PDB file of N, CA and C in Angstrom:
ATOM      1  N   MET A   1      12.186  -6.765   3.036  1.00  0.00           N
ATOM      2  CA  MET A   1      13.215  -6.125   3.938  1.00  0.00           C
ATOM      3  C   MET A   1      14.590  -7.113   4.011  1.00  0.00           C
ATOM      4  N   GLU A   2      14.310  -8.317   4.458  1.00  0.00           N
ATOM      5  CA  GLU A   2      15.379  -8.965   4.092  1.00  0.00           C
ATOM      6  C   GLU A   2      15.999  -9.331   3.590  1.00  0.00           C
ATOM      7  N   ASN A   3      15.154  -9.256   2.562  1.00  0.00           N
ATOM      8  CA  ASN A   3      15.641  -9.817   1.071  1.00  0.00           C
ATOM      9  C   ASN A   3      15.839  -8.598  -0.466  1.00  0.00           C
ATOM     10  N   LYS A   4      16.447  -7.282   0.578  1.00  0.00           N
ATOM     11  CA  LYS A   4      16.244  -6.714  -0.248  1.00  0.00           C
ATOM     12  C   LYS A   4      17.144  -6.478  -1.467  1.00  0.00           C
ATOM     13  N   GLU A   5      18.059  -6.778  -1.163  1.00  0.00           N
ATOM     14  CA  GLU A   5      19.569  -7.279  -2.463  1.00  0.00           C
ATOM     15  C   GLU A   5      18.938  -7.583  -3.748  1.00  0.00           C
ATOM     16  N   ARG A   6      17.876  -8.506  -3.521  1.00  0.00           N
ATOM     17  CA  ARG A   6      17.197  -9.086  -4.912  1.00  0.00           C
ATOM     18  C   ARG A   6      16.751  -8.084  -5.392  1.00  0.00           C
ATOM     19  N   PHE A   7      16.339  -6.898  -5.368  1.00  0.00           N
ATOM     20  CA  PHE A   7      15.782  -6.599  -6.093  1.00  0.00           C
ATOM     21  C   PHE A   7      16.805  -5.265  -6.901  1.00  0.00           C
ATOM     22  N   PRO A   8      16.579  -4.446  -8.425  1.00  0.00           N
ATOM     23  CA  PRO A   8      16.934  -3.579  -8.803  1.00  0.00           C
ATOM     24  C   PRO A   8      16.842  -2.056  -7.569  1.00  0.00           C
ATOM     25  N   GLU A   9      18.252  -1.690  -7.551  1.00  0.00           N
ATOM     26  CA  GLU A   9      18.634  -0.930  -6.689  1.00  0.00           C
ATOM     27  C   GLU A   9      17.441   0.560  -7.009  1.00  0.00           C
ATOM     28  N   TRP A  10      16.741   0.817  -8.428  1.00  0.00           N
ATOM     29  CA  TRP A  10      15.797   1.745  -7.925  1.00  0.00           C
ATOM     30  C   TRP A  10      14.779   0.989  -6.915  1.00  0.00           C
ATOM     31  N   PHE A  11      14.084   0.081  -7.004  1.00  0.00           N
ATOM     32  CA  PHE A  11      13.331  -0.548  -6.582  1.00  0.00           C
ATOM     33  C   PHE A  11      13.842  -0.057  -4.661  1.00  0.00           C
ATOM     34  N   GLN A  12      14.500  -1.026  -4.333  1.00  0.00           N
ATOM     35  CA  GLN A  12      15.618  -0.497  -2.832  1.00  0.00           C
ATOM     36  C   GLN A  12      15.335   0.244  -2.448  1.00  0.00           C
ATOM     37  N   ALA A  13      15.446   1.729  -3.348  1.00  0.00           N
ATOM     38  CA  ALA A  13      15.414   2.420  -2.955  1.00  0.00           C
ATOM     39  C   ALA A  13      14.123   3.249  -1.949  1.00  0.00           C
ATOM     40  N   SER A  14      13.064   2.286  -2.867  1.00  0.00           N
ATOM     41  CA  SER A  14      12.187   2.968  -2.326  1.00  0.00           C
ATOM     42  C   SER A  14      11.151   1.755  -1.336  1.00  0.00           C
ATOM     43  N   LEU A  15      12.099   0.855  -1.292  1.00  0.00           N
ATOM     44  CA  LEU A  15      11.759  -0.448  -0.598  1.00  0.00           C
ATOM     45  C   LEU A  15      11.035   0.110   0.965  1.00  0.00           C
ATOM     46  N   GLU A  16      11.276   1.016   1.930  1.00  0.00           N
ATOM     47  CA  GLU A  16      10.793   1.761   3.054  1.00  0.00           C
ATOM     48  C   GLU A  16       9.777   2.198   3.391  1.00  0.00           C
ATOM     49  N   GLU A  17       9.686   2.856   2.213  1.00  0.00           N
ATOM     50  CA  GLU A  17       8.259   3.105   1.828  1.00  0.00           C
ATOM     51  C   GLU A  17       7.104   2.646   1.355  1.00  0.00           C
ATOM     52  N   PHE A  18       7.682   1.602   0.430  1.00  0.00           N
ATOM     53  CA  PHE A  18       6.508   0.372  -0.118  1.00  0.00           C
ATOM     54  C   PHE A  18       6.277   0.248   1.278  1.00  0.00           C
ATOM     55  N   ALA A  19       7.004  -0.420   2.065  1.00  0.00           N
ATOM     56  CA  ALA A  19       6.618  -1.132   3.491  1.00  0.00           C
ATOM     57  C   ALA A  19       5.743  -0.797   4.217  1.00  0.00           C
ATOM     58  N   SER A  20       5.866   0.948   4.277  1.00  0.00           N
ATOM     59  CA  SER A  20       5.138   1.265   5.486  1.00  0.00           C
ATOM     60  C   SER A  20       4.026   1.984   4.933  1.00  0.00           C
ATOM     61  N   THR A  21       3.987   1.451   3.172  1.00  0.00           N
ATOM     62  CA  THR A  21       2.235   2.043   3.014  1.00  0.00           C
ATOM     63  C   THR A  21       1.654   0.872   2.937  1.00  0.00           C
ATOM     64  N   SER A  22       2.323  -0.585   2.969  1.00  0.00           N
ATOM     65  CA  SER A  22       1.566  -1.717   2.719  1.00  0.00           C
ATOM     66  C   SER A  22       1.001  -1.861   4.425  1.00  0.00           C
ATOM     67  N   ARG A  23       2.185  -1.529   5.358  1.00  0.00           N
ATOM     68  CA  ARG A  23       1.725  -1.993   6.772  1.00  0.00           C
ATOM     69  C   ARG A  23       0.457  -0.885   7.430  1.00  0.00           C
ATOM     70  N   TRP A  24       0.725   0.570   6.488  1.00  0.00           N
ATOM     71  CA  TRP A  24      -0.556   1.289   6.410  1.00  0.00           C
ATOM     72  C   TRP A  24      -2.260   0.798   6.428  1.00  0.00           C
ATOM     73  N   LEU A  25      -1.677   0.462   5.138  1.00  0.00           N
ATOM     74  CA  LEU A  25      -2.920   0.449   4.132  1.00  0.00           C
ATOM     75  C   LEU A  25      -3.411  -1.353   4.905  1.00  0.00           C
ATOM     76  N   ARG A  26      -2.958  -2.219   5.308  1.00  0.00           N
ATOM     77  CA  ARG A  26      -3.275  -3.324   6.380  1.00  0.00           C
ATOM     78  C   ARG A  26      -4.144  -3.049   7.394  1.00  0.00           C
ATOM     79  N   ARG A  27      -3.271  -2.329   8.078  1.00  0.00           N
ATOM     80  CA  ARG A  27      -4.210  -1.919   9.181  1.00  0.00           C
ATOM     81  C   ARG A  27      -5.626  -0.535   8.650  1.00  0.00           C
ATOM     82  N   GLU A  28      -5.984  -0.412   8.148  1.00  0.00           N
ATOM     83  CA  GLU A  28      -6.485   0.704   7.741  1.00  0.00           C
ATOM     84  C   GLU A  28      -8.366  -0.524   7.126  1.00  0.00           C
ATOM     85  N   ARG A  29      -7.705  -1.891   6.624  1.00  0.00           N
ATOM     86  CA  ARG A  29      -8.385  -2.725   5.972  1.00  0.00           C
ATOM     87  C   ARG A  29      -9.608  -2.714   6.675  1.00  0.00           C
ATOM     88  N   GLU A  30      -9.450  -3.203   7.640  1.00  0.00           N
ATOM     89  CA  GLU A  30     -11.198  -3.576   8.332  1.00  0.00           C
ATOM     90  C   GLU A  30     -12.258  -2.654   8.753  1.00  0.00           C
ATOM     91  N   PRO A  31     -11.144  -1.433   8.856  1.00  0.00           N
ATOM     92  CA  PRO A  31     -11.817  -0.056   9.598  1.00  0.00           C
ATOM     93  C   PRO A  31     -12.810   0.040   7.889  1.00  0.00           C
ATOM     94  N   SER A  32     -12.219  -0.366   6.977  1.00  0.00           N
ATOM     95  CA  SER A  32     -12.457   0.401   5.456  1.00  0.00           C
ATOM     96  C   SER A  32     -13.552  -0.362   4.810  1.00  0.00           C
ATOM     97  N   MET A  33     -13.553  -1.387   5.649  1.00  0.00           N
ATOM     98  CA  MET A  33     -14.901  -2.383   5.122  1.00  0.00           C
ATOM     99  C   MET A  33     -15.883  -2.436   5.970  1.00  0.00           C
ATOM    100  N   TYR A  34     -15.068  -2.849   6.872  1.00  0.00           N
ATOM    101  CA  TYR A  34     -16.538  -2.772   8.509  1.00  0.00           C
ATOM    102  C   TYR A  34     -17.071  -1.718   9.164  1.00  0.00           C
ATOM    103  N   GLY A  35     -16.293  -1.016   9.401  1.00  0.00           N
ATOM    104  CA  GLY A  35     -16.221   0.270  10.465  1.00  0.00           C
ATOM    105  C   GLY A  35     -15.770  -0.038  11.518  1.00  0.00           C
ATOM    106  N   ASP A  36     -15.933   0.951  12.515  1.00  0.00           N
ATOM    107  CA  ASP A  36     -15.393   0.826  13.518  1.00  0.00           C
ATOM    108  C   ASP A  36     -16.727  -0.293  14.397  1.00  0.00           C
ATOM    109  N   GLU A  37     -16.476  -1.279  15.014  1.00  0.00           N
ATOM    110  CA  GLU A  37     -16.934  -1.947  16.110  1.00  0.00           C
ATOM    111  C   GLU A  37     -17.477  -1.173  17.063  1.00  0.00           C
ATOM    112  N   GLU A  38     -16.240  -0.372  18.059  1.00  0.00           N
ATOM    113  CA  GLU A  38     -16.255   0.376  19.208  1.00  0.00           C
ATOM    114  C   GLU A  38     -16.895   0.884  19.241  1.00  0.00           C
ATOM    115  N   THR A  39     -17.163   2.172  18.096  1.00  0.00           N
ATOM    116  CA  THR A  39     -18.528   2.812  18.149  1.00  0.00           C
ATOM    117  C   THR A  39     -18.958   3.487  17.029  1.00  0.00           C
ATOM    118  N   GLY A  40     -19.364   2.212  16.904  1.00  0.00           N
ATOM    119  CA  GLY A  40     -20.541   1.737  16.022  1.00  0.00           C
ATOM    120  C   GLY A  40     -20.310   2.728  14.688  1.00  0.00           C
ATOM    121  N   LEU A  41     -19.193   3.116  14.424  1.00  0.00           N
ATOM    122  CA  LEU A  41     -19.235   4.265  12.886  1.00  0.00           C
ATOM    123  C   LEU A  41     -18.883   3.249  11.692  1.00  0.00           C
ATOM    124  N   PRO A  42     -19.672   3.364  10.635  1.00  0.00           N
ATOM    125  CA  PRO A  42     -20.029   3.148   9.306  1.00  0.00           C
ATOM    126  C   PRO A  42     -18.485   3.699   8.838  1.00  0.00           C
ATOM    127  N   PRO A  43     -18.266   2.856   7.911  1.00  0.00           N
ATOM    128  CA  PRO A  43     -16.798   3.199   7.592  1.00  0.00           C
ATOM    129  C   PRO A  43     -17.075   5.021   6.073  1.00  0.00           C
ATOM    130  N   HIS A  44     -18.372   5.056   6.268  1.00  0.00           N
ATOM    131  CA  HIS A  44     -18.094   6.021   5.693  1.00  0.00           C
ATOM    132  C   HIS A  44     -18.383   7.478   6.555  1.00  0.00           C
ATOM    133  N   LYS A  45     -18.441   6.873   7.327  1.00  0.00           N
ATOM    134  CA  LYS A  45     -18.245   8.268   8.918  1.00  0.00           C
ATOM    135  C   LYS A  45     -16.988   8.233   9.371  1.00  0.00           C
ATOM    136  N   ILE A  46     -16.142   7.393   9.497  1.00  0.00           N
ATOM    137  CA  ILE A  46     -14.473   7.348   9.154  1.00  0.00           C
ATOM    138  C   ILE A  46     -13.610   8.015   8.337  1.00  0.00           C
ATOM    139  N   TYR A  47     -14.030   7.893   7.014  1.00  0.00           N
ATOM    140  CA  TYR A  47     -13.314   8.085   6.174  1.00  0.00           C
ATOM    141  C   TYR A  47     -13.657   9.289   5.574  1.00  0.00           C
ATOM    142  N   THR A  48     -12.574   9.954   4.985  1.00  0.00           N
ATOM    143  CA  THR A  48     -13.250  11.111   4.010  1.00  0.00           C
ATOM    144  C   THR A  48     -12.660  11.215   2.539  1.00  0.00           C
ATOM    145  N   ARG A  49     -13.211  11.497   1.408  1.00  0.00           N
ATOM    146  CA  ARG A  49     -12.575  11.710   0.365  1.00  0.00           C
ATOM    147  C   ARG A  49     -11.170  11.885  -0.073  1.00  0.00           C
ATOM    148  N   SER A  50     -10.602  12.637   0.705  1.00  0.00           N
ATOM    149  CA  SER A  50      -8.922  12.850   0.352  1.00  0.00           C
ATOM    150  C   SER A  50      -8.364  11.641   1.303  1.00  0.00           C
ATOM    151  N   TYR A  51      -8.698  10.580   2.337  1.00  0.00           N
ATOM    152  CA  TYR A  51      -8.101   9.994   2.836  1.00  0.00           C
ATOM    153  C   TYR A  51      -7.905   8.721   1.815  1.00  0.00           C
ATOM    154  N   ALA A  52      -9.336   8.349   0.697  1.00  0.00           N
ATOM    155  CA  ALA A  52      -9.566   7.509   0.162  1.00  0.00           C
ATOM    156  C   ALA A  52      -8.465   7.788  -0.865  1.00  0.00           C
ATOM    157  N   SER A  53      -7.907   9.112  -1.518  1.00  0.00           N
ATOM    158  CA  SER A  53      -7.557   9.167  -2.608  1.00  0.00           C
ATOM    159  C   SER A  53      -6.059   8.756  -1.853  1.00  0.00           C
ATOM    160  N   ARG A  54      -5.512   9.726  -0.834  1.00  0.00           N
ATOM    161  CA  ARG A  54      -4.818   9.290  -0.201  1.00  0.00           C
ATOM    162  C   ARG A  54      -4.316   8.024  -0.727  1.00  0.00           C
ATOM    163  N   ALA A  55      -4.858   7.086   0.142  1.00  0.00           N
ATOM    164  CA  ALA A  55      -4.701   5.172   0.057  1.00  0.00           C
ATOM    165  C   ALA A  55      -5.005   4.977  -1.464  1.00  0.00           C
ATOM    166  N   LEU A  56      -5.428   5.055  -2.230  1.00  0.00           N
ATOM    167  CA  LEU A  56      -5.900   5.211  -3.953  1.00  0.00           C
ATOM    168  C   LEU A  56      -4.472   5.040  -4.200  1.00  0.00           C
ATOM    169  N   LYS A  57      -3.861   6.717  -4.425  1.00  0.00           N
ATOM    170  CA  LYS A  57      -2.657   7.360  -4.215  1.00  0.00           C
ATOM    171  C   LYS A  57      -1.374   6.548  -4.678  1.00  0.00           C
ATOM    172  N   GLU A  58      -1.358   6.403  -2.683  1.00  0.00           N
ATOM    173  CA  GLU A  58      -0.164   5.690  -2.326  1.00  0.00           C
ATOM    174  C   GLU A  58      -0.252   3.480  -2.966  1.00  0.00           C
ATOM    175  N   ALA A  59      -1.410   2.822  -3.031  1.00  0.00           N
ATOM    176  CA  ALA A  59      -1.647   1.616  -3.274  1.00  0.00           C
ATOM    177  C   ALA A  59      -1.702   1.504  -4.749  1.00  0.00           C
ATOM    178  N   LYS A  60      -1.497   2.703  -5.698  1.00  0.00           N
ATOM    179  CA  LYS A  60      -1.008   2.651  -6.955  1.00  0.00           C
ATOM    180  C   LYS A  60       0.196   2.655  -7.170  1.00  0.00           C
ATOM    181  N   MET A  61       0.799   3.175  -6.549  1.00  0.00           N
ATOM    182  CA  MET A  61       2.759   3.739  -6.226  1.00  0.00           C
ATOM    183  C   MET A  61       2.919   2.212  -6.086  1.00  0.00           C
ATOM    184  N   VAL A  62       2.417   1.687  -5.389  1.00  0.00           N
ATOM    185  CA  VAL A  62       3.372   0.234  -4.860  1.00  0.00           C
ATOM    186  C   VAL A  62       3.031  -0.606  -6.019  1.00  0.00           C
ATOM    187  N   VAL A  63       1.638  -0.452  -6.140  1.00  0.00           N
ATOM    188  CA  VAL A  63       1.395  -1.650  -7.676  1.00  0.00           C
ATOM    189  C   VAL A  63       2.117  -1.920  -8.929  1.00  0.00           C
ATOM    190  N   ASP A  64       2.564  -0.092  -9.190  1.00  0.00           N
ATOM    191  CA  ASP A  64       3.047   0.202 -10.340  1.00  0.00           C
ATOM    192  C   ASP A  64       4.530  -0.352 -10.402  1.00  0.00           C
ATOM    193  N   ALA A  65       5.431   0.115  -9.006  1.00  0.00           N
ATOM    194  CA  ALA A  65       6.610  -0.390  -8.844  1.00  0.00           C
ATOM    195  C   ALA A  65       6.618  -1.906  -8.994  1.00  0.00           C
ATOM    196  N   VAL A  66       5.823  -2.926  -8.234  1.00  0.00           N
ATOM    197  CA  VAL A  66       6.045  -4.028  -8.439  1.00  0.00           C
ATOM    198  C   VAL A  66       5.523  -4.926  -9.824  1.00  0.00           C
ATOM    199  N   SER A  67       5.269  -4.173 -10.140  1.00  0.00           N
ATOM    200  CA  SER A  67       4.452  -4.696 -11.606  1.00  0.00           C
ATOM    201  C   SER A  67       5.360  -4.318 -12.727  1.00  0.00           C
ATOM    202  N   LYS A  68       6.410  -3.587 -12.503  1.00  0.00           N
ATOM    203  CA  LYS A  68       7.798  -2.714 -13.201  1.00  0.00           C
ATOM    204  C   LYS A  68       8.659  -4.116 -12.854  1.00  0.00           C
ATOM    205  N   VAL A  69       9.125  -4.195 -11.445  1.00  0.00           N
ATOM    206  CA  VAL A  69       9.818  -5.250 -11.060  1.00  0.00           C
ATOM    207  C   VAL A  69       9.870  -6.593 -11.627  1.00  0.00           C
ATOM    208  N   ILE A  70       7.872  -6.838 -11.870  1.00  0.00           N
ATOM    209  CA  ILE A  70       7.843  -8.395 -12.253  1.00  0.00           C
ATOM    210  C   ILE A  70       8.095  -8.229 -13.972  1.00  0.00           C
ATOM    211  N   SER A  71       7.523  -7.039 -14.521  1.00  0.00           N
ATOM    212  CA  SER A  71       7.986  -7.364 -16.334  1.00  0.00           C
ATOM    213  C   SER A  71       9.572  -7.162 -16.407  1.00  0.00           C
ATOM    214  N   GLU A  72      10.194  -6.301 -15.586  1.00  0.00           N
ATOM    215  CA  GLU A  72      11.401  -6.399 -16.269  1.00  0.00           C
ATOM    216  C   GLU A  72      12.172  -7.688 -15.574  1.00  0.00           C
ATOM    217  N   GLY A  73      11.455  -8.562 -14.289  1.00  0.00           N
ATOM    218  CA  GLY A  73      11.901 -10.266 -14.315  1.00  0.00           C
ATOM    219  C   GLY A  73      11.565 -11.256 -15.262  1.00  0.00           C
ATOM    220  N   LEU A  74      10.555 -10.695 -16.165  1.00  0.00           N
ATOM    221  CA  LEU A  74       9.869 -11.442 -17.343  1.00  0.00           C
ATOM    222  C   LEU A  74      11.070 -11.049 -18.142  1.00  0.00           C
ATOM    223  N   SER A  75      11.690 -10.089 -18.865  1.00  0.00           N
ATOM    224  CA  SER A  75      12.095 -10.388 -19.699  1.00  0.00           C
ATOM    225  C   SER A  75      13.587 -10.568 -19.718  1.00  0.00           C
ATOM    226  N   LYS A  76      14.350 -10.992 -18.713  1.00  0.00           N
ATOM    227  CA  LYS A  76      15.734 -11.267 -18.736  1.00  0.00           C
ATOM    228  C   LYS A  76      15.457 -13.050 -18.753  1.00  0.00           C
TER     229      LYS A  76
END
C-alpha cells in the first residue's frame, strides 16, 4: 500500500480489495490446515464448500491481477 503509485492505475483501483483478501486468507490459513485447537474441530468441520469456493475465487482474482502486472512489467 505504501508503494501503490508504482502500479498501473487499473491495479491501484483494486489494491484495497487485494489487501483485504490477502489479510483474510492469511488469517484462515492455519485453521484451514490444522483445524481449531481450542474446540478440537478439524478443518472439514469448520469450513463449508461455499466458503472454500469463495476463498479460491478471491485468491484467483489476486493471482490473476498480479500475474498481469508482472507480464506487463516484463514486456516493457
